[in-house]
């Protein structure tokens, strides 16, 4: 059981914290792992995706490498047993739409996450 997040903040319903389990917990964990930038967390500076250090470092990232990095990040999440990703990169806006299907101990989970960097 995990705390439920709504718009990346704790979800409160009638003044009480909400929780997620199962498929929702796995999807939320994957979403938050993709939203965590490498070095962002002071408690574990090795956690996160190297968005600035590798992926958005140049104008033309190698999408095969990006896909591999993201797949490895997602496969480390508890409950995830497989992942199929699609990447759509807008070079001018420096926006990456990551979408796909997770194979999990709770069944298939479709997801989509938009990552952007202000140039």
N, C-alpha and C. Protein backbone atom coordinates (compact mmCIF):
# COMPACT_ATOMS: atom_id res chain seq x y z
N UNK A 1 0.85 -1.17 0.00
CA UNK A 1 0.00 0.00 0.00
C UNK A 1 0.90 1.24 0.00
N UNK A 2 0.62 2.16 -0.90
CA UNK A 2 1.38 3.40 -1.03
C UNK A 2 0.45 4.59 -0.85
N UNK A 3 1.02 5.70 -0.45
CA UNK A 3 0.25 6.94 -0.40
C UNK A 3 -0.14 7.33 -1.82
N UNK A 4 -1.36 7.74 -2.00
CA UNK A 4 -1.84 8.16 -3.32
C UNK A 4 -1.40 9.59 -3.58
N UNK A 5 -0.96 9.81 -4.82
CA UNK A 5 -0.56 11.15 -5.26
C UNK A 5 -1.53 11.63 -6.33
N UNK A 6 -1.90 12.89 -6.24
CA UNK A 6 -2.72 13.53 -7.25
C UNK A 6 -1.98 14.79 -7.68
N UNK A 7 -1.68 14.89 -8.97
CA UNK A 7 -0.89 16.01 -9.49
C UNK A 7 0.42 16.14 -8.71
N UNK A 8 1.04 14.99 -8.42
CA UNK A 8 2.36 14.91 -7.75
C UNK A 8 2.35 15.45 -6.33
N UNK A 9 1.20 15.44 -5.69
CA UNK A 9 1.09 15.86 -4.30
C UNK A 9 0.23 14.84 -3.57
N UNK A 10 0.36 14.79 -2.25
CA UNK A 10 -0.43 13.85 -1.47
C UNK A 10 -1.92 14.08 -1.69
N UNK A 11 -2.65 13.00 -1.87
CA UNK A 11 -4.08 13.08 -2.09
C UNK A 11 -4.81 13.04 -0.75
N UNK A 12 -5.61 14.04 -0.51
CA UNK A 12 -6.42 14.10 0.71
C UNK A 12 -7.89 14.02 0.32
N UNK A 13 -8.62 13.11 0.95
CA UNK A 13 -10.05 13.00 0.75
C UNK A 13 -10.72 13.16 2.11
N UNK A 14 -11.54 14.18 2.24
CA UNK A 14 -12.18 14.49 3.52
C UNK A 14 -11.15 14.65 4.64
N UNK A 15 -10.02 15.25 4.31
CA UNK A 15 -8.98 15.49 5.30
C UNK A 15 -8.14 14.29 5.65
N UNK A 16 -8.35 13.16 4.96
CA UNK A 16 -7.60 11.93 5.24
C UNK A 16 -6.69 11.59 4.06
N UNK A 17 -5.52 11.04 4.36
CA UNK A 17 -4.63 10.57 3.31
C UNK A 17 -5.26 9.40 2.59
N UNK A 18 -5.08 9.35 1.27
CA UNK A 18 -5.58 8.23 0.47
C UNK A 18 -4.43 7.30 0.14
N UNK A 19 -4.75 6.06 -0.16
CA UNK A 19 -3.75 5.05 -0.47
C UNK A 19 -4.08 4.36 -1.79
N UNK A 20 -3.05 3.80 -2.43
CA UNK A 20 -3.24 3.01 -3.64
C UNK A 20 -2.59 1.65 -3.44
N UNK A 21 -3.15 0.66 -4.11
CA UNK A 21 -2.61 -0.70 -4.07
C UNK A 21 -2.67 -1.29 -5.47
N UNK A 22 -2.08 -2.44 -5.64
CA UNK A 22 -2.19 -3.20 -6.89
C UNK A 22 -1.70 -2.44 -8.10
N UNK A 23 -2.50 -2.52 -9.16
CA UNK A 23 -2.14 -1.90 -10.45
C UNK A 23 -1.90 -0.40 -10.31
N UNK A 24 -2.74 0.27 -9.51
CA UNK A 24 -2.59 1.71 -9.34
C UNK A 24 -1.28 2.06 -8.65
N UNK A 25 -0.86 1.26 -7.69
CA UNK A 25 0.40 1.51 -6.99
C UNK A 25 1.59 1.30 -7.92
N UNK A 26 1.52 0.26 -8.75
CA UNK A 26 2.61 -0.01 -9.69
C UNK A 26 2.70 1.12 -10.72
N UNK A 27 1.56 1.52 -11.28
CA UNK A 27 1.55 2.61 -12.27
C UNK A 27 2.06 3.90 -11.67
N UNK A 28 1.66 4.22 -10.44
CA UNK A 28 2.12 5.43 -9.78
C UNK A 28 3.62 5.38 -9.53
N UNK A 29 4.14 4.23 -9.14
CA UNK A 29 5.57 4.08 -8.89
C UNK A 29 6.37 4.29 -10.18
N UNK A 30 5.91 3.73 -11.28
CA UNK A 30 6.60 3.92 -12.57
C UNK A 30 6.55 5.39 -12.97
N UNK A 31 5.39 6.00 -12.84
CA UNK A 31 5.24 7.42 -13.19
C UNK A 31 6.21 8.27 -12.37
N UNK A 32 6.28 8.04 -11.07
CA UNK A 32 7.15 8.84 -10.22
C UNK A 32 8.64 8.55 -10.51
N UNK A 33 8.96 7.31 -10.86
CA UNK A 33 10.36 7.01 -11.19
C UNK A 33 10.79 7.74 -12.45
N UNK A 34 9.88 7.88 -13.43
CA UNK A 34 10.21 8.61 -14.65
C UNK A 34 10.28 10.11 -14.40
N UNK A 35 9.58 10.58 -13.40
CA UNK A 35 9.56 12.00 -13.07
C UNK A 35 10.73 12.42 -12.16
N UNK A 36 11.46 11.46 -11.64
CA UNK A 36 12.58 11.76 -10.76
C UNK A 36 13.85 11.93 -11.59
N UNK A 37 14.47 13.07 -11.47
CA UNK A 37 15.68 13.38 -12.22
C UNK A 37 16.89 12.91 -11.42
N UNK A 38 17.87 12.35 -12.09
CA UNK A 38 19.08 11.86 -11.44
C UNK A 38 19.70 12.98 -10.60
N UNK A 39 19.98 12.67 -9.31
CA UNK A 39 20.58 13.64 -8.41
C UNK A 39 19.58 14.51 -7.69
N UNK A 40 18.31 14.40 -8.03
CA UNK A 40 17.28 15.25 -7.43
C UNK A 40 17.01 14.90 -5.97
N UNK A 41 17.07 13.63 -5.64
CA UNK A 41 16.74 13.17 -4.30
C UNK A 41 17.98 13.20 -3.42
N UNK A 42 17.95 14.00 -2.37
CA UNK A 42 19.12 14.12 -1.50
C UNK A 42 19.38 12.85 -0.70
N UNK A 43 18.37 12.03 -0.53
CA UNK A 43 18.53 10.79 0.23
C UNK A 43 19.22 9.70 -0.58
N UNK A 44 19.13 9.77 -1.90
CA UNK A 44 19.80 8.80 -2.77
C UNK A 44 20.09 9.50 -4.10
N UNK A 45 21.29 10.04 -4.22
CA UNK A 45 21.65 10.82 -5.41
C UNK A 45 21.82 9.93 -6.65
N UNK A 46 21.81 8.60 -6.48
CA UNK A 46 21.89 7.69 -7.63
C UNK A 46 20.51 7.35 -8.19
N UNK A 47 19.46 7.75 -7.48
CA UNK A 47 18.09 7.47 -7.95
C UNK A 47 17.69 8.47 -9.02
N UNK A 48 16.89 8.00 -9.96
CA UNK A 48 16.36 8.90 -10.97
C UNK A 48 16.88 8.61 -12.36
N UNK A 49 16.30 9.28 -13.32
CA UNK A 49 16.64 9.16 -14.73
C UNK A 49 17.62 10.27 -15.09
N UNK A 50 18.68 9.97 -15.85
CA UNK A 50 19.65 11.01 -16.22
C UNK A 50 19.14 11.91 -17.35
N UNK A 51 18.03 12.60 -17.08
CA UNK A 51 17.42 13.44 -18.11
C UNK A 51 18.39 14.51 -18.62
N UNK A 52 18.98 15.28 -17.73
CA UNK A 52 19.90 16.35 -18.16
C UNK A 52 21.28 15.82 -18.51
N UNK A 53 21.77 14.85 -17.75
CA UNK A 53 23.13 14.35 -17.91
C UNK A 53 23.32 13.57 -19.22
N UNK A 54 22.27 12.89 -19.70
CA UNK A 54 22.41 12.04 -20.88
C UNK A 54 21.32 12.34 -21.92
N UNK A 55 20.08 12.23 -21.53
CA UNK A 55 18.98 12.21 -22.50
C UNK A 55 18.78 13.55 -23.19
N UNK A 56 18.71 14.64 -22.43
CA UNK A 56 18.50 15.96 -23.03
C UNK A 56 19.81 16.75 -23.14
N UNK A 57 20.95 16.07 -23.06
CA UNK A 57 22.24 16.76 -23.09
C UNK A 57 22.49 17.44 -24.44
N UNK A 58 22.15 16.78 -25.51
CA UNK A 58 22.35 17.36 -26.84
C UNK A 58 21.02 17.55 -27.54
N UNK A 59 21.08 18.07 -28.74
CA UNK A 59 19.86 18.32 -29.51
C UNK A 59 19.28 17.03 -30.10
N UNK A 60 20.13 16.05 -30.35
CA UNK A 60 19.69 14.83 -31.03
C UNK A 60 20.06 13.59 -30.23
N UNK A 61 19.32 13.30 -29.16
CA UNK A 61 19.63 12.11 -28.38
C UNK A 61 19.37 10.84 -29.19
N UNK A 62 20.15 9.83 -28.91
CA UNK A 62 19.97 8.53 -29.55
C UNK A 62 18.77 7.85 -28.89
N UNK A 63 17.66 7.76 -29.62
CA UNK A 63 16.41 7.26 -29.03
C UNK A 63 16.50 5.79 -28.63
N UNK A 64 17.35 5.01 -29.30
CA UNK A 64 17.54 3.62 -28.87
C UNK A 64 18.19 3.56 -27.50
N UNK A 65 19.17 4.44 -27.27
CA UNK A 65 19.81 4.50 -25.96
C UNK A 65 18.85 5.01 -24.89
N UNK A 66 18.07 6.02 -25.23
CA UNK A 66 17.08 6.57 -24.30
C UNK A 66 16.08 5.47 -23.92
N UNK A 67 15.61 4.75 -24.91
CA UNK A 67 14.65 3.67 -24.66
C UNK A 67 15.24 2.63 -23.72
N UNK A 68 16.49 2.26 -23.94
CA UNK A 68 17.16 1.28 -23.08
C UNK A 68 17.25 1.79 -21.64
N UNK A 69 17.67 3.04 -21.47
CA UNK A 69 17.80 3.63 -20.13
C UNK A 69 16.45 3.62 -19.42
N UNK A 70 15.40 4.02 -20.11
CA UNK A 70 14.07 4.08 -19.50
C UNK A 70 13.53 2.69 -19.19
N UNK A 71 13.75 1.75 -20.10
CA UNK A 71 13.31 0.37 -19.84
C UNK A 71 13.99 -0.19 -18.59
N UNK A 72 15.29 0.05 -18.46
CA UNK A 72 15.99 -0.46 -17.27
C UNK A 72 15.47 0.19 -15.99
N UNK A 73 15.18 1.48 -16.06
CA UNK A 73 14.62 2.17 -14.90
C UNK A 73 13.26 1.57 -14.52
N UNK A 74 12.41 1.36 -15.49
CA UNK A 74 11.07 0.83 -15.24
C UNK A 74 11.13 -0.61 -14.74
N UNK A 75 12.00 -1.42 -15.32
CA UNK A 75 12.09 -2.83 -14.91
C UNK A 75 12.59 -3.00 -13.48
N UNK A 76 13.21 -1.98 -12.90
CA UNK A 76 13.64 -2.04 -11.50
C UNK A 76 12.51 -1.76 -10.52
N UNK A 77 11.36 -1.34 -11.01
CA UNK A 77 10.24 -1.02 -10.14
C UNK A 77 9.60 -2.31 -9.63
N UNK A 78 9.26 -2.35 -8.35
CA UNK A 78 8.61 -3.54 -7.79
C UNK A 78 7.29 -3.86 -8.50
N UNK A 79 7.12 -5.12 -8.82
CA UNK A 79 5.88 -5.57 -9.47
C UNK A 79 5.91 -5.54 -10.98
N UNK A 80 6.91 -4.89 -11.59
CA UNK A 80 7.01 -4.80 -13.05
C UNK A 80 7.82 -6.00 -13.55
N UNK A 81 7.26 -6.72 -14.52
CA UNK A 81 7.95 -7.89 -15.07
C UNK A 81 8.36 -7.70 -16.53
N UNK A 82 7.82 -6.68 -17.18
CA UNK A 82 8.18 -6.39 -18.56
C UNK A 82 7.65 -5.03 -18.96
N UNK A 83 8.19 -4.50 -20.05
CA UNK A 83 7.74 -3.18 -20.52
C UNK A 83 7.93 -3.08 -22.02
N UNK A 84 6.98 -2.45 -22.68
CA UNK A 84 7.06 -2.13 -24.10
C UNK A 84 6.87 -0.63 -24.22
N UNK A 85 7.91 0.08 -24.71
CA UNK A 85 7.88 1.54 -24.75
C UNK A 85 7.77 2.08 -26.16
N UNK A 86 7.12 3.25 -26.26
CA UNK A 86 7.11 4.06 -27.47
C UNK A 86 7.57 5.45 -27.06
N UNK A 87 8.52 6.00 -27.82
CA UNK A 87 9.03 7.33 -27.53
C UNK A 87 8.69 8.27 -28.68
N UNK A 88 8.22 9.46 -28.32
CA UNK A 88 7.95 10.50 -29.31
C UNK A 88 8.67 11.75 -28.84
N UNK A 89 9.75 12.11 -29.53
CA UNK A 89 10.61 13.22 -29.10
C UNK A 89 10.42 14.42 -30.00
N UNK A 90 10.06 15.56 -29.42
CA UNK A 90 9.96 16.83 -30.13
C UNK A 90 11.25 17.59 -29.84
N UNK A 91 12.18 17.58 -30.80
CA UNK A 91 13.50 18.18 -30.60
C UNK A 91 13.43 19.70 -30.35
N UNK A 92 12.57 20.37 -31.07
CA UNK A 92 12.49 21.83 -30.93
C UNK A 92 11.96 22.23 -29.55
N UNK A 93 10.93 21.55 -29.09
CA UNK A 93 10.35 21.88 -27.79
C UNK A 93 11.08 21.17 -26.64
N UNK A 94 11.97 20.22 -26.98
CA UNK A 94 12.68 19.40 -25.98
C UNK A 94 11.69 18.73 -25.03
N UNK A 95 10.76 18.02 -25.66
CA UNK A 95 9.71 17.29 -24.94
C UNK A 95 9.73 15.84 -25.41
N UNK A 96 9.67 14.93 -24.44
CA UNK A 96 9.64 13.50 -24.75
C UNK A 96 8.38 12.90 -24.17
N UNK A 97 7.57 12.31 -25.04
CA UNK A 97 6.39 11.58 -24.58
C UNK A 97 6.77 10.11 -24.51
N UNK A 98 6.71 9.55 -23.30
CA UNK A 98 7.02 8.15 -23.06
C UNK A 98 5.69 7.45 -22.82
N UNK A 99 5.37 6.48 -23.65
CA UNK A 99 4.13 5.73 -23.45
C UNK A 99 4.41 4.26 -23.69
N UNK A 100 3.50 3.44 -23.23
CA UNK A 100 3.69 2.03 -23.43
C UNK A 100 2.80 1.18 -22.55
N UNK A 101 3.19 -0.08 -22.47
CA UNK A 101 2.46 -1.06 -21.68
C UNK A 101 3.42 -1.75 -20.73
N UNK A 102 3.02 -1.81 -19.48
CA UNK A 102 3.79 -2.54 -18.46
C UNK A 102 3.19 -3.92 -18.31
N UNK A 103 4.05 -4.92 -18.22
CA UNK A 103 3.63 -6.24 -17.77
C UNK A 103 3.94 -6.24 -16.29
N UNK A 104 2.96 -6.62 -15.47
CA UNK A 104 3.16 -6.59 -14.03
C UNK A 104 2.53 -7.81 -13.37
N UNK A 105 2.82 -7.97 -12.10
CA UNK A 105 2.21 -9.06 -11.35
C UNK A 105 0.71 -8.86 -11.21
N UNK A 106 0.22 -7.67 -11.55
CA UNK A 106 -1.20 -7.34 -11.49
C UNK A 106 -1.84 -7.31 -12.87
N UNK A 107 -1.10 -7.70 -13.93
CA UNK A 107 -1.61 -7.66 -15.29
C UNK A 107 -1.02 -6.49 -16.07
N UNK A 108 -1.55 -6.27 -17.27
CA UNK A 108 -1.05 -5.20 -18.13
C UNK A 108 -1.55 -3.84 -17.65
N UNK A 109 -0.65 -2.85 -17.77
CA UNK A 109 -0.97 -1.48 -17.38
C UNK A 109 -0.49 -0.55 -18.48
N UNK A 110 -1.39 0.21 -19.09
CA UNK A 110 -1.01 1.21 -20.08
C UNK A 110 -0.65 2.50 -19.36
N UNK A 111 0.35 3.22 -19.89
CA UNK A 111 0.76 4.47 -19.26
C UNK A 111 1.30 5.43 -20.30
N UNK A 112 1.34 6.69 -19.91
CA UNK A 112 1.92 7.73 -20.74
C UNK A 112 2.44 8.83 -19.82
N UNK A 113 3.63 9.30 -20.10
CA UNK A 113 4.24 10.36 -19.28
C UNK A 113 4.95 11.34 -20.21
N UNK A 114 4.72 12.62 -19.99
CA UNK A 114 5.34 13.68 -20.79
C UNK A 114 6.45 14.31 -19.97
N UNK A 115 7.67 14.29 -20.52
CA UNK A 115 8.84 14.86 -19.85
C UNK A 115 9.32 16.03 -20.70
N UNK A 116 9.49 17.19 -20.07
CA UNK A 116 9.96 18.35 -20.83
C UNK A 116 11.07 19.07 -20.10
N UNK A 117 11.94 19.66 -20.89
CA UNK A 117 13.05 20.45 -20.36
C UNK A 117 12.99 21.81 -21.01
N UNK A 118 13.03 22.85 -20.21
CA UNK A 118 13.05 24.19 -20.76
C UNK A 118 14.46 24.47 -21.26
N UNK A 119 14.61 24.77 -22.55
CA UNK A 119 15.96 25.01 -23.10
C UNK A 119 16.63 26.22 -22.48
